[in-house]
């Protein structure tokens, strides 16, 4: 249950769920619902994980021991659109589609337009999808695991890890526009500069 894990992580951090919600200016009445087994929306979970500086998996499942792993670039303003784009990317990597995943899990297909409009999914839905796709919650929500961002292929190519994180977060439908924008701001490589003069 989410509340039990939240309480345990808060205790490790020397705080309480109620104090964390107050600091985040969120309703403290949510703790009562979570104690009763209600599932928070993933945007709330992201805010809490970012505030406590832990990964989503650590906060939700208690994976790991000792020092909690740092949050892998969780956006505290995470919303349904970001989840939709990340899920779409992970589905593509896994060779499936959003609708197929929802059908397989007996989840309502109406979630798709909700997420596209910015409504965040509940944590229990995210957990089901992550489990089915055999990925961590962090991977599903953030889109790329920290290990991938610092992958040796990126280092070999000389791509700054921050650039890799930015690029990986660009929604698929905006990628061409972003590529065009970046191309217009590129310095002309020396090998082409001479051709332009002549």
N, C-alpha and C. Protein backbone atom coordinates (compact mmCIF):
# COMPACT_ATOMS: atom_id res chain seq x y z
N UNK A 1 0.85 -1.18 0.00
CA UNK A 1 0.00 0.00 0.00
C UNK A 1 0.89 1.25 0.00
N UNK A 2 0.52 2.23 -0.83
CA UNK A 2 1.33 3.43 -1.00
C UNK A 2 1.60 4.14 0.33
N UNK A 3 0.57 4.28 1.16
CA UNK A 3 0.73 5.03 2.39
C UNK A 3 1.82 4.43 3.28
N UNK A 4 1.85 3.11 3.40
CA UNK A 4 2.85 2.46 4.26
C UNK A 4 4.27 2.76 3.78
N UNK A 5 4.48 2.69 2.46
CA UNK A 5 5.80 2.99 1.92
C UNK A 5 6.15 4.46 2.09
N UNK A 6 5.17 5.33 1.86
CA UNK A 6 5.39 6.76 2.05
C UNK A 6 5.79 7.05 3.49
N UNK A 7 5.08 6.45 4.43
CA UNK A 7 5.36 6.66 5.86
C UNK A 7 6.78 6.20 6.20
N UNK A 8 7.18 5.04 5.64
CA UNK A 8 8.52 4.50 5.91
C UNK A 8 9.60 5.41 5.34
N UNK A 9 9.41 5.91 4.12
CA UNK A 9 10.40 6.80 3.51
C UNK A 9 10.46 8.12 4.28
N UNK A 10 9.30 8.63 4.67
CA UNK A 10 9.27 9.87 5.46
C UNK A 10 10.03 9.70 6.77
N UNK A 11 9.84 8.54 7.41
CA UNK A 11 10.54 8.27 8.68
C UNK A 11 12.05 8.28 8.46
N UNK A 12 12.50 7.66 7.36
CA UNK A 12 13.94 7.67 7.03
C UNK A 12 14.45 9.09 6.86
N UNK A 13 13.60 9.95 6.31
CA UNK A 13 14.00 11.33 6.02
C UNK A 13 13.73 12.27 7.19
N UNK A 14 13.22 11.72 8.30
CA UNK A 14 12.98 12.53 9.49
C UNK A 14 11.77 13.44 9.37
N UNK A 15 10.75 12.98 8.67
CA UNK A 15 9.54 13.78 8.51
C UNK A 15 8.32 12.86 8.53
N UNK A 16 7.16 13.41 8.21
CA UNK A 16 5.92 12.62 8.19
C UNK A 16 5.18 12.90 6.89
N UNK A 17 4.27 12.01 6.49
CA UNK A 17 3.48 12.27 5.29
C UNK A 17 2.72 13.60 5.37
N UNK A 18 2.13 13.89 6.53
CA UNK A 18 1.37 15.13 6.69
C UNK A 18 2.27 16.35 6.51
N UNK A 19 3.46 16.30 7.11
CA UNK A 19 4.40 17.43 6.99
C UNK A 19 4.81 17.63 5.53
N UNK A 20 5.06 16.54 4.82
CA UNK A 20 5.46 16.63 3.41
C UNK A 20 4.35 17.26 2.59
N UNK A 21 3.11 16.82 2.80
CA UNK A 21 1.99 17.38 2.04
C UNK A 21 1.81 18.87 2.34
N UNK A 22 2.01 19.26 3.61
CA UNK A 22 1.91 20.68 3.96
C UNK A 22 2.99 21.48 3.24
N UNK A 23 4.23 20.95 3.24
CA UNK A 23 5.34 21.64 2.57
C UNK A 23 5.08 21.79 1.07
N UNK A 24 4.38 20.82 0.49
CA UNK A 24 4.07 20.87 -0.94
C UNK A 24 2.77 21.62 -1.23
N UNK A 25 2.14 22.13 -0.15
CA UNK A 25 0.86 22.85 -0.26
C UNK A 25 -0.22 21.97 -0.89
N UNK A 26 -0.22 20.69 -0.48
CA UNK A 26 -1.24 19.74 -0.93
C UNK A 26 -2.16 19.43 0.24
N UNK A 27 -3.34 18.98 -0.05
CA UNK A 27 -4.33 18.67 0.99
C UNK A 27 -3.84 17.52 1.87
N UNK A 28 -3.81 17.77 3.18
CA UNK A 28 -3.37 16.73 4.11
C UNK A 28 -4.44 15.67 4.33
N UNK A 29 -5.66 15.95 3.90
CA UNK A 29 -6.73 14.94 4.05
C UNK A 29 -6.47 13.73 3.16
N UNK A 30 -5.58 13.88 2.18
CA UNK A 30 -5.25 12.76 1.28
C UNK A 30 -4.67 11.59 2.05
N UNK A 31 -3.96 11.87 3.15
CA UNK A 31 -3.34 10.77 3.91
C UNK A 31 -4.40 9.79 4.42
N UNK A 32 -5.55 10.31 4.81
CA UNK A 32 -6.64 9.44 5.28
C UNK A 32 -7.13 8.52 4.17
N UNK A 33 -7.26 9.06 2.97
CA UNK A 33 -7.69 8.25 1.82
C UNK A 33 -6.64 7.20 1.48
N UNK A 34 -5.36 7.60 1.53
CA UNK A 34 -4.28 6.67 1.21
C UNK A 34 -4.18 5.56 2.25
N UNK A 35 -4.41 5.92 3.53
CA UNK A 35 -4.41 4.90 4.60
C UNK A 35 -5.49 3.86 4.33
N UNK A 36 -6.62 4.33 3.77
CA UNK A 36 -7.74 3.43 3.49
C UNK A 36 -7.54 2.64 2.19
N UNK A 37 -6.41 2.87 1.51
CA UNK A 37 -6.10 2.10 0.31
C UNK A 37 -6.31 2.81 -1.00
N UNK A 38 -6.73 4.08 -0.95
CA UNK A 38 -6.92 4.85 -2.17
C UNK A 38 -5.57 5.10 -2.84
N UNK A 39 -5.60 5.24 -4.15
CA UNK A 39 -4.37 5.44 -4.91
C UNK A 39 -4.24 6.90 -5.35
N UNK A 40 -3.11 7.55 -5.05
CA UNK A 40 -2.94 8.94 -5.48
C UNK A 40 -2.66 9.00 -6.98
N UNK A 41 -2.80 10.18 -7.54
CA UNK A 41 -2.44 10.34 -8.95
C UNK A 41 -0.92 10.40 -9.05
N UNK A 42 -0.40 10.01 -10.21
CA UNK A 42 1.05 9.93 -10.37
C UNK A 42 1.72 11.30 -10.27
N UNK A 43 1.01 12.38 -10.62
CA UNK A 43 1.63 13.71 -10.49
C UNK A 43 1.91 14.05 -9.03
N UNK A 44 1.02 13.63 -8.13
CA UNK A 44 1.23 13.85 -6.69
C UNK A 44 2.43 13.01 -6.22
N UNK A 45 2.48 11.77 -6.68
CA UNK A 45 3.59 10.88 -6.30
C UNK A 45 4.92 11.46 -6.79
N UNK A 46 4.92 12.03 -7.99
CA UNK A 46 6.14 12.65 -8.53
C UNK A 46 6.59 13.83 -7.67
N UNK A 47 5.62 14.65 -7.25
CA UNK A 47 5.96 15.80 -6.39
C UNK A 47 6.57 15.33 -5.08
N UNK A 48 5.98 14.29 -4.49
CA UNK A 48 6.47 13.77 -3.21
C UNK A 48 7.86 13.17 -3.37
N UNK A 49 8.05 12.37 -4.42
CA UNK A 49 9.36 11.73 -4.66
C UNK A 49 10.43 12.79 -4.88
N UNK A 50 10.11 13.81 -5.66
CA UNK A 50 11.07 14.87 -5.94
C UNK A 50 11.40 15.62 -4.65
N UNK A 51 10.38 15.89 -3.84
CA UNK A 51 10.57 16.61 -2.57
C UNK A 51 11.44 15.81 -1.60
N UNK A 52 11.23 14.49 -1.56
CA UNK A 52 12.00 13.63 -0.66
C UNK A 52 13.33 13.18 -1.28
N UNK A 53 13.53 13.53 -2.54
CA UNK A 53 14.74 13.18 -3.29
C UNK A 53 14.96 11.67 -3.34
N UNK A 54 13.90 10.96 -3.70
CA UNK A 54 13.99 9.51 -3.90
C UNK A 54 13.37 9.15 -5.24
N UNK A 55 13.69 7.98 -5.73
CA UNK A 55 13.09 7.53 -6.99
C UNK A 55 11.63 7.15 -6.75
N UNK A 56 10.87 7.09 -7.81
CA UNK A 56 9.48 6.66 -7.70
C UNK A 56 9.40 5.22 -7.21
N UNK A 57 10.28 4.37 -7.74
CA UNK A 57 10.26 2.96 -7.32
C UNK A 57 10.56 2.81 -5.84
N UNK A 58 11.48 3.63 -5.33
CA UNK A 58 11.81 3.55 -3.91
C UNK A 58 10.61 4.00 -3.07
N UNK A 59 9.97 5.08 -3.50
CA UNK A 59 8.82 5.61 -2.75
C UNK A 59 7.64 4.65 -2.80
N UNK A 60 7.37 4.08 -3.96
CA UNK A 60 6.18 3.24 -4.15
C UNK A 60 6.39 1.81 -3.68
N UNK A 61 7.55 1.24 -3.99
CA UNK A 61 7.78 -0.18 -3.70
C UNK A 61 8.82 -0.46 -2.63
N UNK A 62 9.56 0.57 -2.23
CA UNK A 62 10.60 0.36 -1.22
C UNK A 62 11.80 -0.41 -1.74
N UNK A 63 12.01 -0.42 -3.08
CA UNK A 63 13.17 -1.11 -3.63
C UNK A 63 14.43 -0.46 -3.12
N UNK A 64 15.44 -1.28 -2.89
CA UNK A 64 16.71 -0.75 -2.42
C UNK A 64 16.74 -0.74 -0.91
N UNK A 65 17.90 -0.48 -0.38
CA UNK A 65 18.03 -0.39 1.08
C UNK A 65 19.11 0.63 1.38
N UNK A 66 19.20 1.01 2.63
CA UNK A 66 20.19 2.01 3.01
C UNK A 66 19.82 3.36 2.43
N UNK A 67 20.78 3.96 1.73
CA UNK A 67 20.52 5.26 1.13
C UNK A 67 19.55 5.12 -0.03
N UNK A 68 18.50 5.88 0.01
CA UNK A 68 17.52 5.83 -1.08
C UNK A 68 18.15 6.40 -2.33
N UNK A 69 17.92 5.76 -3.46
CA UNK A 69 18.46 6.31 -4.70
C UNK A 69 17.84 7.66 -5.00
N UNK A 70 18.64 8.56 -5.56
CA UNK A 70 18.11 9.89 -5.88
C UNK A 70 17.05 9.79 -6.96
N UNK A 71 16.17 10.74 -6.94
CA UNK A 71 15.12 10.80 -7.96
C UNK A 71 15.75 11.04 -9.32
N UNK A 72 15.43 10.18 -10.31
CA UNK A 72 16.03 10.35 -11.63
C UNK A 72 15.35 11.43 -12.46
N UNK A 73 15.67 12.68 -12.16
CA UNK A 73 15.16 13.80 -12.95
C UNK A 73 13.64 13.83 -13.06
N UNK A 74 12.98 13.66 -11.94
CA UNK A 74 11.51 13.71 -11.93
C UNK A 74 11.09 15.17 -12.05
N UNK A 75 10.19 15.42 -12.95
CA UNK A 75 9.65 16.76 -13.12
C UNK A 75 8.50 16.92 -12.13
N UNK A 76 8.63 17.85 -11.15
CA UNK A 76 7.55 18.01 -10.18
C UNK A 76 6.25 18.50 -10.81
N UNK A 77 6.31 19.02 -12.03
CA UNK A 77 5.11 19.47 -12.74
C UNK A 77 4.59 18.40 -13.70
N UNK A 78 4.97 17.17 -13.44
CA UNK A 78 4.58 16.04 -14.28
C UNK A 78 3.06 16.01 -14.42
N UNK A 79 2.58 15.71 -15.63
CA UNK A 79 1.14 15.62 -15.84
C UNK A 79 0.81 14.48 -16.81
N UNK A 80 -0.47 14.37 -17.13
CA UNK A 80 -0.93 13.29 -18.00
C UNK A 80 -0.32 13.31 -19.38
N UNK A 81 -0.08 14.50 -19.93
CA UNK A 81 0.51 14.60 -21.27
C UNK A 81 1.91 14.00 -21.25
N UNK A 82 2.68 14.34 -20.23
CA UNK A 82 4.04 13.79 -20.11
C UNK A 82 3.98 12.28 -19.95
N UNK A 83 3.02 11.80 -19.17
CA UNK A 83 2.88 10.35 -19.00
C UNK A 83 2.52 9.70 -20.33
N UNK A 84 1.59 10.29 -21.03
CA UNK A 84 1.15 9.76 -22.33
C UNK A 84 2.35 9.64 -23.28
N UNK A 85 3.14 10.70 -23.38
CA UNK A 85 4.30 10.70 -24.29
C UNK A 85 5.34 9.66 -23.87
N UNK A 86 5.57 9.56 -22.58
CA UNK A 86 6.54 8.59 -22.08
C UNK A 86 6.04 7.16 -22.31
N UNK A 87 4.77 6.91 -22.02
CA UNK A 87 4.19 5.58 -22.22
C UNK A 87 4.23 5.20 -23.69
N UNK A 88 3.91 6.15 -24.55
CA UNK A 88 3.94 5.90 -25.99
C UNK A 88 5.34 5.47 -26.44
N UNK A 89 6.35 6.16 -25.91
CA UNK A 89 7.75 5.86 -26.25
C UNK A 89 8.14 4.47 -25.74
N UNK A 90 7.75 4.15 -24.51
CA UNK A 90 8.09 2.84 -23.93
C UNK A 90 7.37 1.73 -24.69
N UNK A 91 6.10 1.96 -25.04
CA UNK A 91 5.35 0.96 -25.83
C UNK A 91 6.05 0.69 -27.16
N UNK A 92 6.51 1.76 -27.80
CA UNK A 92 7.21 1.61 -29.09
C UNK A 92 8.47 0.76 -28.91
N UNK A 93 9.22 1.04 -27.86
CA UNK A 93 10.43 0.28 -27.56
C UNK A 93 10.09 -1.19 -27.33
N UNK A 94 8.96 -1.43 -26.67
CA UNK A 94 8.54 -2.79 -26.35
C UNK A 94 7.79 -3.47 -27.50
N UNK A 95 7.59 -2.74 -28.60
CA UNK A 95 6.93 -3.33 -29.76
C UNK A 95 5.43 -3.53 -29.61
N UNK A 96 4.80 -2.63 -28.89
CA UNK A 96 3.36 -2.72 -28.70
C UNK A 96 2.76 -1.32 -28.81
N UNK A 97 1.46 -1.22 -28.58
CA UNK A 97 0.79 0.08 -28.63
C UNK A 97 0.01 0.33 -27.36
N UNK A 98 -0.35 1.58 -27.14
CA UNK A 98 -1.09 1.96 -25.93
C UNK A 98 -2.41 1.22 -25.81
N UNK A 99 -3.17 1.23 -26.89
CA UNK A 99 -4.49 0.59 -26.86
C UNK A 99 -4.36 -0.90 -26.55
N UNK A 100 -3.38 -1.56 -27.16
CA UNK A 100 -3.16 -2.99 -26.92
C UNK A 100 -2.85 -3.26 -25.45
N UNK A 101 -2.03 -2.40 -24.86
CA UNK A 101 -1.66 -2.56 -23.44
C UNK A 101 -2.90 -2.39 -22.56
N UNK A 102 -3.67 -1.34 -22.81
CA UNK A 102 -4.86 -1.10 -21.99
C UNK A 102 -5.86 -2.24 -22.12
N UNK A 103 -6.04 -2.74 -23.34
CA UNK A 103 -6.97 -3.87 -23.53
C UNK A 103 -6.49 -5.10 -22.78
N UNK A 104 -5.21 -5.38 -22.88
CA UNK A 104 -4.64 -6.56 -22.22
C UNK A 104 -4.83 -6.49 -20.70
N UNK A 105 -4.76 -5.28 -20.17
CA UNK A 105 -4.89 -5.09 -18.72
C UNK A 105 -6.32 -4.81 -18.28
N UNK A 106 -7.26 -4.87 -19.21
CA UNK A 106 -8.66 -4.56 -18.91
C UNK A 106 -8.83 -3.15 -18.35
N UNK A 107 -8.05 -2.22 -18.88
CA UNK A 107 -8.15 -0.82 -18.46
C UNK A 107 -8.94 -0.06 -19.52
N UNK A 108 -9.64 0.96 -19.09
CA UNK A 108 -10.50 1.74 -19.97
C UNK A 108 -9.67 2.49 -21.03
N UNK A 109 -10.04 2.33 -22.29
CA UNK A 109 -9.33 3.02 -23.37
C UNK A 109 -9.56 4.53 -23.33
N UNK A 110 -10.56 4.97 -22.58
CA UNK A 110 -10.81 6.40 -22.43
C UNK A 110 -9.69 7.10 -21.66
N UNK A 111 -8.82 6.32 -21.03
CA UNK A 111 -7.67 6.92 -20.35
C UNK A 111 -6.79 7.68 -21.35
N UNK A 112 -6.68 7.16 -22.57
CA UNK A 112 -5.77 7.77 -23.55
C UNK A 112 -6.11 9.24 -23.80
N UNK A 113 -7.37 9.57 -24.18
CA UNK A 113 -7.66 11.00 -24.37
C UNK A 113 -7.55 11.82 -23.07
N UNK A 114 -7.81 11.18 -21.94
CA UNK A 114 -7.66 11.89 -20.65
C UNK A 114 -6.20 12.30 -20.46
N UNK A 115 -5.29 11.33 -20.66
CA UNK A 115 -3.86 11.63 -20.48
C UNK A 115 -3.40 12.67 -21.48
N UNK A 116 -3.86 12.55 -22.72
CA UNK A 116 -3.48 13.53 -23.76
C UNK A 116 -3.94 14.93 -23.38
N UNK A 117 -5.04 15.02 -22.63
CA UNK A 117 -5.56 16.33 -22.23
C UNK A 117 -4.91 16.85 -20.94
N UNK A 118 -4.03 16.05 -20.34
CA UNK A 118 -3.30 16.51 -19.16
C UNK A 118 -3.72 15.89 -17.84
N UNK A 119 -4.74 15.04 -17.85
CA UNK A 119 -5.18 14.39 -16.61
C UNK A 119 -4.20 13.27 -16.27
N UNK A 120 -3.66 13.32 -15.06
CA UNK A 120 -2.68 12.32 -14.64
C UNK A 120 -3.34 11.01 -14.25
N UNK A 121 -2.71 9.89 -14.60
CA UNK A 121 -3.26 8.60 -14.20
C UNK A 121 -3.04 8.34 -12.71
N UNK A 122 -3.85 7.45 -12.15
CA UNK A 122 -3.66 7.03 -10.76
C UNK A 122 -2.42 6.13 -10.68
N UNK A 123 -1.82 6.12 -9.53
CA UNK A 123 -0.63 5.31 -9.31
C UNK A 123 -0.88 3.83 -9.58
N UNK A 124 -2.04 3.31 -9.17
CA UNK A 124 -2.30 1.88 -9.38
C UNK A 124 -2.32 1.53 -10.86
N UNK A 125 -2.81 2.44 -11.70
CA UNK A 125 -2.84 2.22 -13.15
C UNK A 125 -1.40 2.21 -13.69
N UNK A 126 -0.61 3.17 -13.24
CA UNK A 126 0.80 3.25 -13.67
C UNK A 126 1.55 1.98 -13.27
N UNK A 127 1.32 1.51 -12.04
CA UNK A 127 1.99 0.29 -11.55
C UNK A 127 1.61 -0.93 -12.39
N UNK A 128 0.33 -1.04 -12.73
CA UNK A 128 -0.14 -2.16 -13.58
C UNK A 128 0.56 -2.15 -14.93
N UNK A 129 0.61 -0.97 -15.54
CA UNK A 129 1.21 -0.83 -16.86
C UNK A 129 2.71 -1.12 -16.80
N UNK A 130 3.39 -0.58 -15.79
CA UNK A 130 4.83 -0.81 -15.64
C UNK A 130 5.11 -2.30 -15.46
N UNK A 131 4.31 -2.96 -14.65
CA UNK A 131 4.48 -4.39 -14.42
C UNK A 131 4.27 -5.18 -15.71
N UNK A 132 3.21 -4.85 -16.45
CA UNK A 132 2.91 -5.55 -17.70
C UNK A 132 4.04 -5.36 -18.72
N UNK A 133 4.56 -4.13 -18.81
CA UNK A 133 5.62 -3.84 -19.78
C UNK A 133 6.99 -4.27 -19.27
N UNK A 134 7.02 -4.76 -18.02
CA UNK A 134 8.26 -5.23 -17.40
C UNK A 134 9.32 -4.13 -17.33
N UNK A 135 8.88 -2.96 -16.86
CA UNK A 135 9.79 -1.83 -16.66
C UNK A 135 9.55 -1.25 -15.27
N UNK A 136 10.50 -0.49 -14.79
CA UNK A 136 10.32 0.16 -13.50
C UNK A 136 9.34 1.33 -13.65
N UNK A 137 8.82 1.78 -12.54
CA UNK A 137 7.93 2.94 -12.56
C UNK A 137 8.72 4.16 -13.04
N UNK A 138 9.95 4.28 -12.55
CA UNK A 138 10.80 5.40 -12.99
C UNK A 138 10.98 5.39 -14.50
N UNK A 139 11.25 4.23 -15.05
CA UNK A 139 11.47 4.12 -16.50
C UNK A 139 10.20 4.52 -17.25
N UNK A 140 9.06 4.05 -16.78
CA UNK A 140 7.80 4.35 -17.45
C UNK A 140 7.44 5.83 -17.34
N UNK A 141 7.61 6.40 -16.17
CA UNK A 141 7.19 7.78 -15.93
C UNK A 141 8.21 8.79 -16.46
N UNK A 142 9.48 8.57 -16.15
CA UNK A 142 10.51 9.52 -16.58
C UNK A 142 10.84 9.30 -18.05
N UNK A 143 10.61 8.09 -18.53
CA UNK A 143 10.83 7.80 -19.94
C UNK A 143 12.11 7.06 -20.21
N UNK A 144 13.16 7.42 -19.53
CA UNK A 144 14.45 6.77 -19.73
C UNK A 144 15.11 6.62 -18.38
N UNK A 145 15.70 5.48 -18.15
CA UNK A 145 16.40 5.24 -16.90
C UNK A 145 17.69 6.03 -16.89
N UNK A 146 18.11 6.45 -15.73
CA UNK A 146 19.35 7.21 -15.60
C UNK A 146 20.52 6.47 -16.24
N UNK A 147 20.54 5.13 -16.09
CA UNK A 147 21.64 4.35 -16.65
C UNK A 147 21.70 4.54 -18.16
N UNK A 148 20.54 4.66 -18.80
CA UNK A 148 20.52 4.82 -20.26
C UNK A 148 21.05 6.18 -20.65
N UNK A 149 20.71 7.19 -19.86
CA UNK A 149 21.16 8.54 -20.19
C UNK A 149 22.68 8.60 -20.15
N UNK A 150 23.28 7.86 -19.23
CA UNK A 150 24.73 7.87 -19.10
C UNK A 150 25.36 6.67 -19.80
N UNK A 151 24.63 6.09 -20.70
CA UNK A 151 25.09 4.93 -21.45
C UNK A 151 26.39 5.24 -22.17
N UNK A 152 27.23 4.22 -22.30
CA UNK A 152 28.54 4.42 -22.92
C UNK A 152 28.43 4.93 -24.35
N UNK A 153 27.37 4.58 -25.06
CA UNK A 153 27.25 5.06 -26.44
C UNK A 153 27.08 6.57 -26.47
N UNK A 154 26.40 7.12 -25.46
CA UNK A 154 26.26 8.57 -25.41
C UNK A 154 27.60 9.21 -25.09
N UNK A 155 28.35 8.58 -24.19
CA UNK A 155 29.64 9.12 -23.81
C UNK A 155 30.60 9.06 -25.00
N UNK A 156 30.57 7.97 -25.75
CA UNK A 156 31.45 7.83 -26.91
C UNK A 156 31.13 8.91 -27.93
N UNK A 157 29.86 9.16 -28.13
CA UNK A 157 29.47 10.16 -29.13
C UNK A 157 29.77 11.58 -28.65
N UNK A 158 30.09 11.72 -27.37
CA UNK A 158 30.41 13.03 -26.83
C UNK A 158 29.17 13.85 -26.47
N UNK A 159 28.01 13.21 -26.46
CA UNK A 159 26.78 13.92 -26.14
C UNK A 159 26.71 14.16 -24.64
N UNK A 160 26.56 15.40 -24.28
CA UNK A 160 26.43 15.79 -22.88
C UNK A 160 25.19 15.10 -22.30
N UNK A 161 25.30 14.47 -21.11
CA UNK A 161 24.15 13.77 -20.51
C UNK A 161 22.92 14.66 -20.35
N UNK A 162 23.13 15.95 -20.07
CA UNK A 162 21.98 16.85 -19.93
C UNK A 162 21.23 16.98 -21.26
N UNK A 163 21.99 17.06 -22.37
CA UNK A 163 21.36 17.11 -23.70
C UNK A 163 20.56 15.85 -23.94
N UNK A 164 21.13 14.71 -23.57
CA UNK A 164 20.44 13.43 -23.78
C UNK A 164 19.12 13.42 -23.02
N UNK A 165 19.12 13.94 -21.79
CA UNK A 165 17.89 13.98 -21.00
C UNK A 165 16.86 14.89 -21.65
N UNK A 166 17.31 16.05 -22.14
CA UNK A 166 16.40 16.99 -22.78
C UNK A 166 15.80 16.37 -24.04
N UNK A 167 16.67 15.80 -24.86
CA UNK A 167 16.22 15.20 -26.12
C UNK A 167 15.24 14.07 -25.87
N UNK A 168 15.53 13.25 -24.87
CA UNK A 168 14.67 12.10 -24.59
C UNK A 168 13.28 12.51 -24.10
N UNK A 169 13.16 13.73 -23.60
CA UNK A 169 11.87 14.19 -23.07
C UNK A 169 11.01 14.90 -24.11
N UNK A 170 11.54 15.10 -25.32
CA UNK A 170 10.76 15.79 -26.36
C UNK A 170 9.69 14.85 -26.89
N UNK A 171 8.42 15.26 -26.82
CA UNK A 171 7.35 14.40 -27.34
C UNK A 171 7.58 14.09 -28.83
N UNK A 172 7.22 12.89 -29.22
CA UNK A 172 7.46 12.43 -30.59
C UNK A 172 6.93 13.39 -31.64
N UNK A 173 5.74 13.94 -31.39
CA UNK A 173 5.14 14.82 -32.39
C UNK A 173 5.86 16.16 -32.53
N UNK A 174 6.75 16.50 -31.59
CA UNK A 174 7.50 17.76 -31.66
C UNK A 174 8.95 17.57 -32.08
N UNK A 175 9.37 16.32 -32.28
CA UNK A 175 10.79 16.07 -32.55
C UNK A 175 11.27 16.69 -33.86
N UNK A 176 10.50 16.58 -34.93
CA UNK A 176 10.92 17.15 -36.23
C UNK A 176 11.08 18.66 -36.13
N UNK A 177 10.12 19.31 -35.47
CA UNK A 177 10.18 20.76 -35.31
C UNK A 177 11.45 21.14 -34.53
N UNK A 178 11.76 20.40 -33.47
CA UNK A 178 12.95 20.68 -32.66
C UNK A 178 14.23 20.46 -33.47
N UNK A 179 14.24 19.40 -34.28
CA UNK A 179 15.42 19.13 -35.13
C UNK A 179 15.63 20.29 -36.10
N UNK A 180 14.55 20.76 -36.72
CA UNK A 180 14.65 21.88 -37.66
C UNK A 180 15.17 23.13 -36.96
N UNK A 181 14.65 23.39 -35.77
CA UNK A 181 15.10 24.55 -35.00
C UNK A 181 16.59 24.46 -34.71
N UNK A 182 17.04 23.30 -34.25
CA UNK A 182 18.46 23.13 -33.92
C UNK A 182 19.34 23.24 -35.16
N UNK A 183 18.86 22.71 -36.28
CA UNK A 183 19.65 22.79 -37.53
C UNK A 183 19.89 24.25 -37.93
N UNK A 184 18.89 25.11 -37.71
CA UNK A 184 19.04 26.52 -38.10
C UNK A 184 20.02 27.26 -37.19
N UNK A 185 20.35 26.66 -36.05
CA UNK A 185 21.26 27.30 -35.10
C UNK A 185 22.62 26.61 -35.03
N UNK A 186 22.88 25.72 -35.96
CA UNK A 186 24.16 25.01 -35.97
C UNK A 186 25.24 25.89 -36.58
N UNK A 187 26.44 25.79 -36.04
CA UNK A 187 27.59 26.43 -36.68
C UNK A 187 27.92 25.62 -37.92
N UNK A 188 28.37 26.27 -38.97
CA UNK A 188 28.71 25.54 -40.19
C UNK A 188 30.05 24.87 -39.97
N UNK A 189 30.10 23.54 -40.09
CA UNK A 189 31.37 22.85 -39.92
C UNK A 189 32.40 23.36 -40.93
N UNK A 190 33.69 23.40 -40.51
CA UNK A 190 34.76 23.92 -41.36
C UNK A 190 34.79 23.28 -42.73
N UNK A 191 34.56 21.97 -42.79
CA UNK A 191 34.67 21.28 -44.08
C UNK A 191 33.63 21.78 -45.09
N UNK A 192 32.53 22.40 -44.61
CA UNK A 192 31.52 22.94 -45.52
C UNK A 192 31.67 24.45 -45.72
N UNK A 193 32.38 25.12 -44.82
CA UNK A 193 32.51 26.57 -44.88
C UNK A 193 33.18 27.01 -46.17
N UNK A 194 34.22 26.30 -46.63
CA UNK A 194 34.93 26.65 -47.86
C UNK A 194 34.02 26.58 -49.07
N UNK A 195 33.17 25.55 -49.11
CA UNK A 195 32.25 25.38 -50.25
C UNK A 195 31.30 26.56 -50.36
N UNK A 196 30.88 27.07 -49.20
CA UNK A 196 29.92 28.16 -49.20
C UNK A 196 30.54 29.45 -49.76
N UNK A 197 31.84 29.65 -49.47
CA UNK A 197 32.54 30.85 -49.95
C UNK A 197 32.70 30.81 -51.47
N UNK A 198 32.98 29.60 -52.00
CA UNK A 198 33.30 29.45 -53.42
C UNK A 198 32.10 29.28 -54.22
